[in-house]
């Protein structure tokens, strides 16, 4: 109810030029600095998945509203370490750990930065374990109270459903919904993430140097939630699958936040990749 009211107020502000200018000025004048790394205040080692949240963004200064949400998400989780990686950090990590892997070639040749961050999130969590959350996203509940200590991979489902419906699949809560890639968690060297990285490599040639009318759709298929979903479902369906998959319903049982208030200002200076048409996604 309250969030709907805020959306309504924001829509009025956006349609009124003078109010929108004042809003933009206030948001940027009172920017909030967020540390690249925050150590946990409480030591909590009882989980297979390390209590660390990996995120990425260009810099450490955020418009006031989204900055407050990022700060609140950290304060809600005193036993979790948070790390933000800028573009240089992302490039250095991929070069250091994946220089001789085909995924690094795909990373370098990706035209859209969201593809690079898709690849980075899978590789980073695979290499070190922990949670991934997009910088604009979070959960309104303490992560250590959600996570089962024995969990190998934690997932949640989007509201959006696939066009093609699938029959009931054992051990999958919502087989007709996409799995979120804006928020998930996994153990270090997790088999599912390893296979996900390999699947991107295996499908690379189909997308390479090809124009797509809607590039966003192609990105969702190759590196986004569609590839993540298909990989996880295929893994769970195998006979010898033994990993503990914790499924947190739709949108973390409605506790998840895909985009905090003020998130649109993060992308105000960039053309969002969903607006591109008739473009390649990989060189």
Protein backbone atom coordinates (compact mmCIF):
# COMPACT_ATOMS: atom_id res chain seq x y z
CA UNK A 1 0.00 0.00 0.00
CA UNK A 2 2.73 2.46 1.05
CA UNK A 3 4.98 1.46 -1.88
CA UNK A 4 2.10 2.04 -4.29
CA UNK A 5 1.62 5.51 -2.82
CA UNK A 6 5.32 6.26 -3.32
CA UNK A 7 5.11 5.07 -6.94
CA UNK A 8 2.11 7.33 -7.50
CA UNK A 9 3.91 10.34 -5.99
CA UNK A 10 7.01 9.59 -8.08
CA UNK A 11 4.89 9.40 -11.27
CA UNK A 12 3.48 12.87 -10.51
CA UNK A 13 6.97 14.26 -9.86
CA UNK A 14 8.32 12.75 -13.07
CA UNK A 15 5.53 14.33 -15.14
CA UNK A 16 6.16 17.77 -13.63
CA UNK A 17 9.46 19.17 -15.05
CA UNK A 18 10.23 21.61 -12.21
CA UNK A 19 9.49 19.01 -9.51
CA UNK A 20 11.60 16.41 -11.31
CA UNK A 21 14.56 18.81 -11.55
CA UNK A 22 14.31 19.51 -7.81
CA UNK A 23 14.11 15.76 -7.13
CA UNK A 24 17.19 15.03 -9.28
CA UNK A 25 19.13 17.86 -7.62
CA UNK A 26 18.26 16.66 -4.10
CA UNK A 27 19.12 13.02 -4.91
CA UNK A 28 22.52 13.89 -6.34
CA UNK A 29 23.45 16.72 -3.97
CA UNK A 30 22.96 14.43 -0.95
CA UNK A 31 24.73 11.42 -2.42
CA UNK A 32 25.66 8.67 0.04
CA UNK A 33 29.12 7.08 0.14
CA UNK A 34 29.08 3.30 0.53
CA UNK A 35 32.29 1.48 1.49
CA UNK A 36 33.54 -0.99 -1.09
CA UNK A 37 34.04 -3.51 1.70
CA UNK A 38 32.26 -3.90 5.02
CA UNK A 39 33.33 -6.63 7.45
CA UNK A 40 30.69 -8.43 9.49
CA UNK A 41 30.24 -7.24 13.07
CA UNK A 42 29.22 -10.73 14.24
CA UNK A 43 31.15 -13.90 13.40
CA UNK A 44 28.82 -16.60 12.11
CA UNK A 45 30.51 -19.69 10.65
CA UNK A 46 27.75 -22.28 10.84
CA UNK A 47 26.77 -22.12 7.13
CA UNK A 48 28.14 -24.06 4.15
CA UNK A 49 27.55 -20.92 2.08
CA UNK A 50 29.80 -18.11 3.38
CA UNK A 51 27.93 -15.05 4.66
CA UNK A 52 29.25 -12.57 2.14
CA UNK A 53 27.30 -10.49 -0.38
CA UNK A 54 29.02 -9.73 -3.68
CA UNK A 55 27.80 -6.72 -5.70
CA UNK A 56 29.13 -4.49 -8.46
CA UNK A 57 28.78 -0.87 -9.54
CA UNK A 58 30.82 1.86 -11.26
CA UNK A 59 31.71 3.74 -8.08
CA UNK A 60 30.88 4.15 -4.37
CA UNK A 61 28.65 7.25 -4.47
CA UNK A 62 24.93 6.65 -4.77
CA UNK A 63 21.89 8.95 -5.14
CA UNK A 64 20.35 9.60 -1.73
CA UNK A 65 17.31 7.26 -1.81
CA UNK A 66 18.99 4.18 -3.29
CA UNK A 67 22.03 4.89 -1.12
CA UNK A 68 19.86 4.75 2.01
CA UNK A 69 18.42 1.40 0.91
CA UNK A 70 21.89 -0.05 0.31
CA UNK A 71 22.96 1.18 3.76
CA UNK A 72 19.83 -0.28 5.41
CA UNK A 73 20.38 -3.65 3.70
CA UNK A 74 23.85 -3.78 5.24
CA UNK A 75 22.61 -2.75 8.68
CA UNK A 76 19.94 -5.47 8.53
CA UNK A 77 22.74 -8.05 8.16
CA UNK A 78 25.41 -7.42 10.84
CA UNK A 79 26.79 -10.96 10.44
CA UNK A 80 27.33 -10.58 6.69
CA UNK A 81 30.34 -9.15 4.87
CA UNK A 82 29.55 -6.90 1.89
CA UNK A 83 31.81 -6.23 -1.10
CA UNK A 84 31.26 -3.92 -4.06
CA UNK A 85 33.42 -4.38 -7.16
CA UNK A 86 33.88 -1.57 -9.68
CA UNK A 87 34.47 -2.16 -13.40
CA UNK A 88 38.24 -2.36 -12.93
CA UNK A 89 37.82 -4.92 -10.14
CA UNK A 90 35.51 -7.01 -12.35
CA UNK A 91 37.97 -6.96 -15.27
CA UNK A 92 40.93 -7.80 -13.03
CA UNK A 93 39.12 -10.71 -11.39
CA UNK A 94 38.08 -12.26 -14.72
CA UNK A 95 41.60 -11.93 -16.10
CA UNK A 96 43.20 -13.38 -12.96
CA UNK A 97 40.97 -16.44 -12.55
CA UNK A 98 39.65 -17.14 -16.06
CA UNK A 99 42.31 -15.92 -18.48
CA UNK A 100 42.69 -19.40 -19.98
CA UNK A 101 38.97 -20.29 -19.90
CA UNK A 102 36.62 -19.73 -22.84
CA UNK A 103 34.30 -17.74 -20.54
CA UNK A 104 36.93 -14.98 -20.47
CA UNK A 105 36.78 -14.66 -24.25
CA UNK A 106 32.98 -14.34 -24.02
CA UNK A 107 33.35 -11.80 -21.21
CA UNK A 108 35.77 -9.66 -23.24
CA UNK A 109 33.69 -9.86 -26.42
CA UNK A 110 30.36 -9.03 -24.75
CA UNK A 111 29.06 -5.72 -26.09
CA UNK A 112 26.66 -4.92 -23.24
CA UNK A 113 27.93 -4.47 -19.69
CA UNK A 114 24.94 -6.39 -18.16
CA UNK A 115 26.30 -9.49 -19.93
CA UNK A 116 29.69 -8.93 -18.34
CA UNK A 117 28.12 -8.61 -14.88
CA UNK A 118 26.06 -11.76 -15.50
CA UNK A 119 29.24 -13.68 -16.25
CA UNK A 120 31.12 -12.05 -13.38
CA UNK A 121 28.45 -12.94 -10.80
CA UNK A 122 28.51 -16.63 -11.68
CA UNK A 123 32.31 -16.77 -11.79
CA UNK A 124 32.75 -14.78 -8.57
CA UNK A 125 30.28 -16.84 -6.53
CA UNK A 126 31.71 -20.05 -8.02
CA UNK A 127 35.25 -19.01 -7.09
CA UNK A 128 34.58 -17.78 -3.55
CA UNK A 129 31.02 -18.72 -2.57
CA UNK A 130 28.44 -16.42 -1.00
CA UNK A 131 25.45 -14.35 -2.10
CA UNK A 132 25.01 -12.21 -5.17
CA UNK A 133 22.64 -9.25 -5.17
CA UNK A 134 22.38 -6.60 -7.85
CA UNK A 135 23.25 -3.22 -6.35
CA UNK A 136 19.61 -2.08 -6.70
CA UNK A 137 18.24 -5.25 -5.07
CA UNK A 138 17.95 -6.89 -1.67
CA UNK A 139 15.75 -8.74 0.80
CA UNK A 140 13.78 -7.26 3.69
CA UNK A 141 14.79 -10.06 6.02
CA UNK A 142 18.10 -10.99 7.62
CA UNK A 143 19.92 -13.36 5.27
CA UNK A 144 21.19 -15.65 8.03
CA UNK A 145 17.58 -16.17 9.12
CA UNK A 146 16.64 -17.24 5.61
CA UNK A 147 19.61 -19.46 4.80
CA UNK A 148 19.66 -23.09 5.96
CA UNK A 149 23.15 -23.99 7.31
CA UNK A 150 23.30 -27.09 5.06
CA UNK A 151 22.21 -25.38 1.83
CA UNK A 152 24.44 -25.75 -1.25
CA UNK A 153 22.54 -23.30 -3.44
CA UNK A 154 19.74 -20.86 -2.60
CA UNK A 155 17.34 -19.64 -5.28
CA UNK A 156 14.09 -17.75 -5.66
CA UNK A 157 11.66 -17.38 -8.55
CA UNK A 158 10.54 -14.37 -10.54
CA UNK A 159 6.90 -13.40 -10.97
CA UNK A 160 7.45 -13.59 -14.73
CA UNK A 161 6.48 -16.91 -16.27
CA UNK A 162 7.91 -18.69 -19.29
CA UNK A 163 5.94 -18.65 -22.50
CA UNK A 164 6.18 -22.41 -22.85
CA UNK A 165 4.64 -24.20 -19.88
CA UNK A 166 6.27 -27.31 -18.48
CA UNK A 167 4.67 -30.15 -16.63
CA UNK A 168 5.31 -30.62 -12.93
CA UNK A 169 8.96 -31.38 -12.23
CA UNK A 170 9.91 -33.16 -9.02
CA UNK A 171 11.64 -30.92 -6.49
CA UNK A 172 10.99 -27.65 -8.39
CA UNK A 173 8.58 -25.26 -6.68
CA UNK A 174 7.71 -23.18 -9.76
CA UNK A 175 8.83 -24.95 -12.97
CA UNK A 176 7.02 -22.37 -15.13
CA UNK A 177 8.75 -19.33 -13.61
CA UNK A 178 12.23 -18.00 -14.26
CA UNK A 179 14.77 -18.21 -11.45
CA UNK A 180 16.10 -14.86 -10.21
CA UNK A 181 19.68 -14.07 -11.11
CA UNK A 182 19.53 -10.68 -9.32
CA UNK A 183 19.69 -12.54 -6.00
CA UNK A 184 21.01 -16.04 -5.23
CA UNK A 185 23.64 -17.83 -3.16
CA UNK A 186 25.91 -20.85 -3.56
CA UNK A 187 28.85 -22.68 -2.03
CA UNK A 188 32.39 -22.26 -3.31
CA UNK A 189 33.12 -24.40 -6.42
CA UNK A 190 29.44 -25.27 -6.70
CA UNK A 191 28.79 -27.85 -9.43
CA UNK A 192 25.68 -26.05 -10.73
CA UNK A 193 27.58 -22.80 -11.26
CA UNK A 194 30.41 -24.69 -12.95
CA UNK A 195 27.92 -26.24 -15.37
CA UNK A 196 26.24 -22.85 -15.86
CA UNK A 197 29.55 -21.29 -16.91
CA UNK A 198 30.19 -24.21 -19.25
CA UNK A 199 26.68 -23.93 -20.72
CA UNK A 200 27.29 -20.29 -21.60
CA UNK A 201 30.49 -21.38 -23.36
CA UNK A 202 28.68 -24.18 -25.22
CA UNK A 203 25.99 -21.80 -26.55
CA UNK A 204 28.38 -18.97 -27.35
CA UNK A 205 28.88 -19.75 -31.06
CA UNK A 206 25.14 -19.46 -31.81
CA UNK A 207 25.07 -15.87 -30.51
CA UNK A 208 28.50 -14.76 -31.73
CA UNK A 209 28.60 -11.99 -34.36
CA UNK A 210 24.85 -12.21 -34.99
CA UNK A 211 22.29 -9.38 -35.04
CA UNK A 212 19.22 -9.68 -32.83
CA UNK A 213 16.08 -7.61 -33.24
CA UNK A 214 15.72 -7.58 -29.46
CA UNK A 215 19.21 -7.89 -27.93
CA UNK A 216 17.81 -8.03 -24.39
CA UNK A 217 16.03 -11.32 -25.14
CA UNK A 218 19.24 -12.85 -26.48
CA UNK A 219 21.15 -11.70 -23.39
CA UNK A 220 18.52 -13.22 -21.07
CA UNK A 221 18.91 -16.49 -22.96
CA UNK A 222 22.71 -16.65 -23.05
CA UNK A 223 23.88 -15.17 -19.75
CA UNK A 224 20.73 -14.11 -17.89
CA UNK A 225 18.04 -15.84 -15.82
CA UNK A 226 16.92 -18.11 -18.65
CA UNK A 227 20.28 -19.84 -18.88
CA UNK A 228 20.46 -19.96 -15.07
CA UNK A 229 16.96 -21.49 -14.86
CA UNK A 230 17.54 -24.13 -17.53
CA UNK A 231 20.86 -25.16 -16.00
CA UNK A 232 19.43 -25.56 -12.49
CA UNK A 233 16.37 -27.50 -13.67
CA UNK A 234 18.51 -29.83 -15.81
CA UNK A 235 20.80 -30.46 -12.84
CA UNK A 236 17.97 -31.18 -10.40
CA UNK A 237 16.40 -33.63 -12.87
CA UNK A 238 19.53 -35.82 -13.04
CA UNK A 239 19.40 -39.14 -11.16
CA UNK A 240 22.53 -38.65 -9.07
CA UNK A 241 21.81 -35.08 -8.01
CA UNK A 242 22.71 -34.72 -4.32
CA UNK A 243 23.10 -30.99 -3.65
CA UNK A 244 20.72 -29.28 -1.23
CA UNK A 245 18.77 -26.64 -3.16
CA UNK A 246 16.91 -24.18 -0.96
CA UNK A 247 13.99 -22.66 -2.86
CA UNK A 248 12.59 -19.43 -1.45
CA UNK A 249 9.33 -19.22 -3.40
CA UNK A 250 8.35 -16.24 -5.53
CA UNK A 251 10.54 -13.21 -4.90
CA UNK A 252 11.96 -14.58 -1.64
CA UNK A 253 8.42 -15.18 -0.33
CA UNK A 254 7.58 -11.56 -1.17
CA UNK A 255 10.46 -10.32 0.99
CA UNK A 256 12.72 -9.68 -2.00
CA UNK A 257 13.15 -6.27 -3.59
CA UNK A 258 14.11 -6.35 -7.26
CA UNK A 259 14.57 -2.57 -7.41
CA UNK A 260 14.69 -0.30 -4.37
CA UNK A 261 13.19 3.18 -4.54
CA UNK A 262 15.43 5.59 -6.43
CA UNK A 263 17.05 2.80 -8.46
CA UNK A 264 16.04 4.41 -11.76
CA UNK A 265 18.53 7.22 -11.13
CA UNK A 266 21.38 4.72 -11.28
CA UNK A 267 20.65 4.26 -14.97
CA UNK A 268 19.57 7.80 -15.86
CA UNK A 269 22.88 8.60 -17.59
CA UNK A 270 22.98 5.38 -19.60
CA UNK A 271 20.79 3.99 -22.31
CA UNK A 272 19.32 0.80 -20.85
CA UNK A 273 20.12 -2.30 -22.88
CA UNK A 274 16.40 -3.12 -23.21
CA UNK A 275 16.00 -0.09 -25.56
CA UNK A 276 18.48 -1.35 -28.15
CA UNK A 277 17.23 -2.90 -31.41
CA UNK A 278 18.88 -4.85 -34.24
CA UNK A 279 22.20 -5.20 -32.49
CA UNK A 280 24.88 -7.79 -31.83
CA UNK A 281 25.42 -8.86 -28.24
CA UNK A 282 28.86 -10.40 -28.85
CA UNK A 283 31.61 -9.26 -31.22
